[in-house]
Amino acid sequence: RIWFLTSYPRDFSNELIDVIASDERIARSIHLPIQSGSDRILRVMNRGYTKADFLSLVDRIRDKIPDTSISTDIVVGFPGESDREYLETRDLLEKVRFDRVNLAVYSPRKGTLAERTMEDDVPDRVKTLRLNKLLELQKHINRQDNQNLFGRIVTVIVENRIRRNAYLYGRTSDNKVVLFEGDSSLIGTTVHVELLKITAGPLYGGIVDRRNNGIQPQ
């Protein structure tokens, strides 16, 4: 599989969407760091796009590549972030229903424009509260969406064995982590796994023989 590490939303073209859609070797997993759901904060960050631009891009991706997962990065507590602007970010998570979100609280980074020109004025307790609320929301979204995968057969490239554990693990093309029992000789191979236990994070299942069962992976 060919993976993208990340891509700046403003640079993610329709041509790139078409290329991903046309080649099954490219993983169905796209990381687009938006950082905030507030247009004012995006402007102060000099991100070069609006919330509406980002939502339009997500719609285009999902229209052309319906089986793709979309992940993002979010920063809470950016200088001047109000309660309303935080709720705009929360609203974005609810609208997009990302598969994964990397959440962080703002802290001044030496040499950046924000560090030089903006006061870090959001109290730490407020930052922590906002972060925990978004973590709770994202876990709820993941748990709900993952329930739709129960009983499915998925194709997994086996990566390794969990240390001191009976489980092997690997990833699907849309970057779901799947745990299952198996021999270490399977590492580096492709297997088909029926999903039998769902969590907000990893999925658990058992290897199936697609040839003998006539089962098509999803």
C-alpha atoms as a PDB file:
ATOM      1  CA  ARG A   1       0.000   0.000   0.000  1.00  0.00           C
ATOM      2  CA  ILE A   2       1.007   3.578  -0.659  1.00  0.00           C
ATOM      3  CA  TRP A   3       0.290   5.868   2.298  1.00  0.00           C
ATOM      4  CA  PHE A   4       0.104   9.645   2.634  1.00  0.00           C
ATOM      5  CA  LEU A   5       1.572  10.915   5.880  1.00  0.00           C
ATOM      6  CA  THR A   6      -0.347  14.189   5.735  1.00  0.00           C
ATOM      7  CA  SER A   7      -1.521  16.800   3.264  1.00  0.00           C
ATOM      8  CA  TYR A   8      -2.219  20.509   3.614  1.00  0.00           C
ATOM      9  CA  PRO A   9      -5.971  20.993   2.954  1.00  0.00           C
ATOM     10  CA  ARG A  10      -5.402  23.933   0.603  1.00  0.00           C
ATOM     11  CA  ASP A  11      -3.135  21.786  -1.602  1.00  0.00           C
ATOM     12  CA  PHE A  12      -5.403  18.736  -1.836  1.00  0.00           C
ATOM     13  CA  SER A  13      -6.587  18.971  -5.441  1.00  0.00           C
ATOM     14  CA  ASN A  14      -9.412  17.306  -7.331  1.00  0.00           C
ATOM     15  CA  GLU A  15      -6.746  15.657  -9.490  1.00  0.00           C
ATOM     16  CA  LEU A  16      -5.219  14.033  -6.405  1.00  0.00           C
ATOM     17  CA  ILE A  17      -8.640  12.779  -5.332  1.00  0.00           C
ATOM     18  CA  ASP A  18      -9.075  11.198  -8.780  1.00  0.00           C
ATOM     19  CA  VAL A  19      -5.672   9.501  -8.588  1.00  0.00           C
ATOM     20  CA  ILE A  20      -6.427   7.958  -5.187  1.00  0.00           C
ATOM     21  CA  ALA A  21      -9.851   6.804  -6.370  1.00  0.00           C
ATOM     22  CA  SER A  22      -8.355   5.165  -9.460  1.00  0.00           C
ATOM     23  CA  ASP A  23      -5.673   2.997  -7.816  1.00  0.00           C
ATOM     24  CA  GLU A  24      -6.408   0.373  -5.157  1.00  0.00           C
ATOM     25  CA  ARG A  25      -2.739   0.304  -4.142  1.00  0.00           C
ATOM     26  CA  ILE A  26      -3.205   3.716  -2.517  1.00  0.00           C
ATOM     27  CA  ALA A  27      -4.519   3.472   1.056  1.00  0.00           C
ATOM     28  CA  ARG A  28      -8.017   4.801   1.654  1.00  0.00           C
ATOM     29  CA  SER A  29      -6.781   6.991   4.499  1.00  0.00           C
ATOM     30  CA  ILE A  30      -6.357  10.755   4.212  1.00  0.00           C
ATOM     31  CA  HIS A  31      -4.964  13.023   6.927  1.00  0.00           C
ATOM     32  CA  LEU A  32      -6.063  16.652   6.611  1.00  0.00           C
ATOM     33  CA  PRO A  33      -5.076  18.839   9.588  1.00  0.00           C
ATOM     34  CA  ILE A  34      -7.656  21.594   9.993  1.00  0.00           C
ATOM     35  CA  GLN A  35      -6.468  22.808  13.462  1.00  0.00           C
ATOM     36  CA  SER A  36      -9.677  24.710  14.356  1.00  0.00           C
ATOM     37  CA  GLY A  37     -13.342  24.972  13.410  1.00  0.00           C
ATOM     38  CA  SER A  38     -13.311  28.763  13.822  1.00  0.00           C
ATOM     39  CA  ASP A  39     -12.803  30.885  10.721  1.00  0.00           C
ATOM     40  CA  ARG A  40     -11.334  33.703  12.802  1.00  0.00           C
ATOM     41  CA  ILE A  41      -8.721  31.440  14.343  1.00  0.00           C
ATOM     42  CA  LEU A  42      -7.937  29.832  10.982  1.00  0.00           C
ATOM     43  CA  ARG A  43      -7.353  33.335   9.611  1.00  0.00           C
ATOM     44  CA  VAL A  44      -5.090  34.292  12.533  1.00  0.00           C
ATOM     45  CA  MET A  45      -3.203  31.024  12.030  1.00  0.00           C
ATOM     46  CA  ASN A  46      -2.773  32.005   8.353  1.00  0.00           C
ATOM     47  CA  ARG A  47      -4.114  28.613   7.272  1.00  0.00           C
ATOM     48  CA  GLY A  48      -5.400  29.902   3.925  1.00  0.00           C
ATOM     49  CA  TYR A  49      -8.818  28.208   3.992  1.00  0.00           C
ATOM     50  CA  THR A  50     -12.142  28.498   5.812  1.00  0.00           C
ATOM     51  CA  LYS A  51     -14.276  25.952   7.593  1.00  0.00           C
ATOM     52  CA  ALA A  52     -16.586  25.913   4.558  1.00  0.00           C
ATOM     53  CA  ASP A  53     -13.617  25.240   2.258  1.00  0.00           C
ATOM     54  CA  PHE A  54     -12.594  22.292   4.415  1.00  0.00           C
ATOM     55  CA  LEU A  55     -16.108  20.830   4.539  1.00  0.00           C
ATOM     56  CA  SER A  56     -16.381  21.155   0.753  1.00  0.00           C
ATOM     57  CA  LEU A  57     -13.096  19.261   0.363  1.00  0.00           C
ATOM     58  CA  VAL A  58     -14.318  16.481   2.670  1.00  0.00           C
ATOM     59  CA  ASP A  59     -17.534  16.211   0.638  1.00  0.00           C
ATOM     60  CA  ARG A  60     -15.561  15.899  -2.617  1.00  0.00           C
ATOM     61  CA  ILE A  61     -13.301  13.221  -1.162  1.00  0.00           C
ATOM     62  CA  ARG A  62     -16.197  11.172   0.193  1.00  0.00           C
ATOM     63  CA  ASP A  63     -18.124  11.516  -3.055  1.00  0.00           C
ATOM     64  CA  LYS A  64     -15.219  10.135  -5.133  1.00  0.00           C
ATOM     65  CA  ILE A  65     -13.736   7.745  -2.522  1.00  0.00           C
ATOM     66  CA  PRO A  66     -16.634   6.653  -0.292  1.00  0.00           C
ATOM     67  CA  ASP A  67     -14.575   3.980   1.469  1.00  0.00           C
ATOM     68  CA  THR A  68     -11.885   6.394   2.671  1.00  0.00           C
ATOM     69  CA  SER A  69     -11.184   7.427   6.256  1.00  0.00           C
ATOM     70  CA  ILE A  70     -10.363  11.026   7.111  1.00  0.00           C
ATOM     71  CA  SER A  71      -8.296  12.118  10.098  1.00  0.00           C
ATOM     72  CA  THR A  72      -7.220  15.533  11.326  1.00  0.00           C
ATOM     73  CA  ASP A  73      -5.289  17.599  13.874  1.00  0.00           C
ATOM     74  CA  ILE A  74      -7.021  19.977  16.290  1.00  0.00           C
ATOM     75  CA  VAL A  75      -5.492  22.562  18.637  1.00  0.00           C
ATOM     76  CA  VAL A  76      -7.619  23.880  21.521  1.00  0.00           C
ATOM     77  CA  GLY A  77      -6.910  26.985  23.543  1.00  0.00           C
ATOM     78  CA  PHE A  78      -5.251  29.011  20.783  1.00  0.00           C
ATOM     79  CA  PRO A  79      -4.711  32.619  21.944  1.00  0.00           C
ATOM     80  CA  GLY A  80      -8.046  34.410  22.146  1.00  0.00           C
ATOM     81  CA  GLU A  81     -10.151  31.274  21.561  1.00  0.00           C
ATOM     82  CA  SER A  82     -13.602  32.012  22.977  1.00  0.00           C
ATOM     83  CA  ASP A  83     -16.212  29.531  24.191  1.00  0.00           C
ATOM     84  CA  ARG A  84     -18.139  30.120  20.962  1.00  0.00           C
ATOM     85  CA  GLU A  85     -15.074  29.393  18.828  1.00  0.00           C
ATOM     86  CA  TYR A  86     -14.377  26.220  20.784  1.00  0.00           C
ATOM     87  CA  LEU A  87     -17.980  25.133  20.143  1.00  0.00           C
ATOM     88  CA  GLU A  88     -17.423  25.769  16.428  1.00  0.00           C
ATOM     89  CA  THR A  89     -14.602  23.225  16.564  1.00  0.00           C
ATOM     90  CA  ARG A  90     -16.858  20.790  18.402  1.00  0.00           C
ATOM     91  CA  ASP A  91     -19.497  21.331  15.721  1.00  0.00           C
ATOM     92  CA  LEU A  92     -16.907  20.507  13.048  1.00  0.00           C
ATOM     93  CA  LEU A  93     -16.130  17.156  14.692  1.00  0.00           C
ATOM     94  CA  GLU A  94     -19.829  16.327  14.814  1.00  0.00           C
ATOM     95  CA  LYS A  95     -20.329  17.274  11.156  1.00  0.00           C
ATOM     96  CA  VAL A  96     -17.327  15.485   9.670  1.00  0.00           C
ATOM     97  CA  ARG A  97     -17.196  12.479  12.038  1.00  0.00           C
ATOM     98  CA  PHE A  98     -13.460  11.979  11.579  1.00  0.00           C
ATOM     99  CA  ASP A  99     -12.037   8.483  11.928  1.00  0.00           C
ATOM    100  CA  ARG A 100      -9.182   9.820  14.034  1.00  0.00           C
ATOM    101  CA  VAL A 101      -8.370  13.163  15.631  1.00  0.00           C
ATOM    102  CA  ASN A 102      -4.979  14.179  17.034  1.00  0.00           C
ATOM    103  CA  LEU A 103      -5.854  16.629  19.803  1.00  0.00           C
ATOM    104  CA  ALA A 104      -3.455  19.016  21.530  1.00  0.00           C
ATOM    105  CA  VAL A 105      -3.632  22.088  23.732  1.00  0.00           C
ATOM    106  CA  TYR A 106      -1.941  25.233  22.512  1.00  0.00           C
ATOM    107  CA  SER A 107       1.428  26.065  24.005  1.00  0.00           C
ATOM    108  CA  PRO A 108       3.736  28.829  22.743  1.00  0.00           C
ATOM    109  CA  ARG A 109       6.403  27.557  20.362  1.00  0.00           C
ATOM    110  CA  LYS A 110       9.518  29.698  20.224  1.00  0.00           C
ATOM    111  CA  GLY A 111       9.972  31.618  16.992  1.00  0.00           C
ATOM    112  CA  THR A 112       6.376  31.354  15.780  1.00  0.00           C
ATOM    113  CA  LEU A 113       4.250  34.396  14.985  1.00  0.00           C
ATOM    114  CA  ALA A 114       1.782  33.429  17.707  1.00  0.00           C
ATOM    115  CA  GLU A 115       4.556  33.228  20.300  1.00  0.00           C
ATOM    116  CA  ARG A 116       5.941  36.633  19.284  1.00  0.00           C
ATOM    117  CA  THR A 117       2.705  38.577  18.907  1.00  0.00           C
ATOM    118  CA  MET A 118      -0.085  36.886  20.904  1.00  0.00           C
ATOM    119  CA  GLU A 119      -0.745  36.456  24.594  1.00  0.00           C
ATOM    120  CA  ASP A 120      -1.307  32.868  25.720  1.00  0.00           C
ATOM    121  CA  ASP A 121      -4.482  34.008  27.469  1.00  0.00           C
ATOM    122  CA  VAL A 122      -6.652  30.871  27.663  1.00  0.00           C
ATOM    123  CA  PRO A 123      -6.268  29.408  31.194  1.00  0.00           C
ATOM    124  CA  ASP A 124      -4.740  25.934  31.410  1.00  0.00           C
ATOM    125  CA  ARG A 125      -7.816  24.554  33.174  1.00  0.00           C
ATOM    126  CA  VAL A 126     -10.010  25.777  30.299  1.00  0.00           C
ATOM    127  CA  LYS A 127      -7.671  24.248  27.713  1.00  0.00           C
ATOM    128  CA  THR A 128      -7.711  20.923  29.561  1.00  0.00           C
ATOM    129  CA  LEU A 129     -11.503  20.944  29.887  1.00  0.00           C
ATOM    130  CA  ARG A 130     -11.958  21.669  26.180  1.00  0.00           C
ATOM    131  CA  LEU A 131      -9.465  18.965  25.238  1.00  0.00           C
ATOM    132  CA  ASN A 132     -11.161  16.353  27.420  1.00  0.00           C
ATOM    133  CA  LYS A 133     -14.614  17.247  26.081  1.00  0.00           C
ATOM    134  CA  LEU A 134     -13.417  16.797  22.495  1.00  0.00           C
ATOM    135  CA  LEU A 135     -11.697  13.513  23.389  1.00  0.00           C
ATOM    136  CA  GLU A 136     -14.941  12.273  24.905  1.00  0.00           C
ATOM    137  CA  LEU A 137     -16.904  13.324  21.813  1.00  0.00           C
ATOM    138  CA  GLN A 138     -14.441  11.696  19.419  1.00  0.00           C
ATOM    139  CA  LYS A 139     -14.497   8.403  21.340  1.00  0.00           C
ATOM    140  CA  HIS A 140     -18.295   8.448  21.168  1.00  0.00           C
ATOM    141  CA  ILE A 141     -18.176   9.034  17.396  1.00  0.00           C
ATOM    142  CA  ASN A 142     -15.602   6.267  16.884  1.00  0.00           C
ATOM    143  CA  ARG A 143     -17.572   3.785  18.976  1.00  0.00           C
ATOM    144  CA  GLN A 144     -20.808   4.548  17.092  1.00  0.00           C
ATOM    145  CA  ASP A 145     -19.239   4.357  13.630  1.00  0.00           C
ATOM    146  CA  ASN A 146     -17.210   1.238  14.413  1.00  0.00           C
ATOM    147  CA  GLN A 147     -20.380  -0.610  15.392  1.00  0.00           C
ATOM    148  CA  ASN A 148     -21.278  -0.631  11.682  1.00  0.00           C
ATOM    149  CA  LEU A 149     -18.202  -2.795  11.060  1.00  0.00           C
ATOM    150  CA  PHE A 150     -19.240  -5.676  13.322  1.00  0.00           C
ATOM    151  CA  GLY A 151     -19.282  -8.964  11.405  1.00  0.00           C
ATOM    152  CA  ARG A 152     -17.529  -7.598   8.333  1.00  0.00           C
ATOM    153  CA  ILE A 153     -14.623  -9.339   6.638  1.00  0.00           C
ATOM    154  CA  VAL A 154     -11.705  -6.950   6.129  1.00  0.00           C
ATOM    155  CA  THR A 155      -8.338  -7.264   4.400  1.00  0.00           C
ATOM    156  CA  VAL A 156      -5.418  -6.687   6.777  1.00  0.00           C
ATOM    157  CA  ILE A 157      -1.674  -6.446   6.182  1.00  0.00           C
ATOM    158  CA  VAL A 158      -0.093  -8.012   9.285  1.00  0.00           C
ATOM    159  CA  GLU A 159       2.483  -5.698  10.886  1.00  0.00           C
ATOM    160  CA  ASN A 160       3.689  -7.336  14.085  1.00  0.00           C
ATOM    161  CA  ARG A 161       2.787  -8.986  17.367  1.00  0.00           C
ATOM    162  CA  ILE A 162       1.793  -6.965  20.405  1.00  0.00           C
ATOM    163  CA  ARG A 163       4.559  -7.275  22.969  1.00  0.00           C
ATOM    164  CA  ARG A 164       3.883  -9.987  25.560  1.00  0.00           C
ATOM    165  CA  ASN A 165       0.487 -10.633  24.016  1.00  0.00           C
ATOM    166  CA  ALA A 166      -1.065 -13.386  21.934  1.00  0.00           C
ATOM    167  CA  TYR A 167      -2.447 -10.933  19.398  1.00  0.00           C
ATOM    168  CA  LEU A 168      -1.043 -10.005  16.030  1.00  0.00           C
ATOM    169  CA  TYR A 169      -2.055  -6.644  14.642  1.00  0.00           C
ATOM    170  CA  GLY A 170      -2.328  -5.011  11.258  1.00  0.00           C
ATOM    171  CA  ARG A 171      -4.186  -2.315   9.375  1.00  0.00           C
ATOM    172  CA  THR A 172      -6.941  -2.166   6.831  1.00  0.00           C
ATOM    173  CA  SER A 173      -6.649   0.066   3.784  1.00  0.00           C
ATOM    174  CA  ASP A 174      -8.628   2.758   5.615  1.00  0.00           C
ATOM    175  CA  ASN A 175      -6.190   2.590   8.569  1.00  0.00           C
ATOM    176  CA  LYS A 176      -8.291   0.651  11.062  1.00  0.00           C
ATOM    177  CA  VAL A 177      -6.076  -1.231  13.522  1.00  0.00           C
ATOM    178  CA  VAL A 178      -7.209  -4.870  13.808  1.00  0.00           C
ATOM    179  CA  LEU A 179      -6.057  -7.370  16.470  1.00  0.00           C
ATOM    180  CA  PHE A 180      -6.355 -11.127  16.051  1.00  0.00           C
ATOM    181  CA  GLU A 181      -4.684 -14.383  17.066  1.00  0.00           C
ATOM    182  CA  GLY A 182      -2.260 -16.035  14.667  1.00  0.00           C
ATOM    183  CA  ASP A 183       1.212 -17.382  14.039  1.00  0.00           C
ATOM    184  CA  SER A 184       4.149 -14.978  13.753  1.00  0.00           C
ATOM    185  CA  SER A 185       4.820 -16.343  10.266  1.00  0.00           C
ATOM    186  CA  LEU A 186       1.857 -14.211   9.130  1.00  0.00           C
ATOM    187  CA  ILE A 187       3.781 -10.967   9.757  1.00  0.00           C
ATOM    188  CA  GLY A 188       4.181  -9.184   6.448  1.00  0.00           C
ATOM    189  CA  THR A 189       1.384 -11.113   4.746  1.00  0.00           C
ATOM    190  CA  THR A 190      -2.191 -10.211   3.871  1.00  0.00           C
ATOM    191  CA  VAL A 191      -5.024 -11.936   5.751  1.00  0.00           C
ATOM    192  CA  HIS A 192      -8.794 -11.664   5.908  1.00  0.00           C
ATOM    193  CA  VAL A 193     -10.268 -11.045   9.339  1.00  0.00           C
ATOM    194  CA  GLU A 194     -13.873 -11.189  10.493  1.00  0.00           C
ATOM    195  CA  LEU A 195     -14.540  -8.383  12.986  1.00  0.00           C
ATOM    196  CA  LEU A 196     -16.032  -9.846  16.160  1.00  0.00           C
ATOM    197  CA  LYS A 197     -15.425  -7.197  18.835  1.00  0.00           C
ATOM    198  CA  ILE A 198     -15.776  -3.449  18.434  1.00  0.00           C
ATOM    199  CA  THR A 199     -14.244  -0.672  20.536  1.00  0.00           C
ATOM    200  CA  ALA A 200     -13.697   3.060  20.061  1.00  0.00           C
ATOM    201  CA  GLY A 201     -10.110   2.175  19.133  1.00  0.00           C
ATOM    202  CA  PRO A 202      -8.760  -1.172  17.871  1.00  0.00           C
ATOM    203  CA  LEU A 203     -11.044  -3.773  16.332  1.00  0.00           C
ATOM    204  CA  TYR A 204     -10.779  -7.453  17.255  1.00  0.00           C
ATOM    205  CA  GLY A 205     -11.491 -10.456  15.093  1.00  0.00           C
ATOM    206  CA  GLY A 206     -10.499 -13.836  13.781  1.00  0.00           C
ATOM    207  CA  ILE A 207      -8.784 -14.917  10.575  1.00  0.00           C
ATOM    208  CA  VAL A 208     -11.067 -16.502   7.989  1.00  0.00           C
ATOM    209  CA  ASP A 209     -10.217 -18.494   4.879  1.00  0.00           C
ATOM    210  CA  ARG A 210     -11.859 -16.522   2.097  1.00  0.00           C
ATOM    211  CA  ARG A 211     -11.239 -19.299  -0.423  1.00  0.00           C
ATOM    212  CA  ASN A 212     -13.060 -21.926   1.574  1.00  0.00           C
ATOM    213  CA  ASN A 213     -15.921 -19.721   2.711  1.00  0.00           C
ATOM    214  CA  GLY A 214     -16.542 -17.804  -0.474  1.00  0.00           C
ATOM    215  CA  ILE A 215     -16.511 -14.572   1.544  1.00  0.00           C
ATOM    216  CA  GLN A 216     -15.652 -11.287  -0.119  1.00  0.00           C
ATOM    217  CA  PRO A 217     -13.743  -8.756   2.025  1.00  0.00           C
ATOM    218  CA  GLN A 218     -15.288  -5.313   2.499  1.00  0.00           C
END
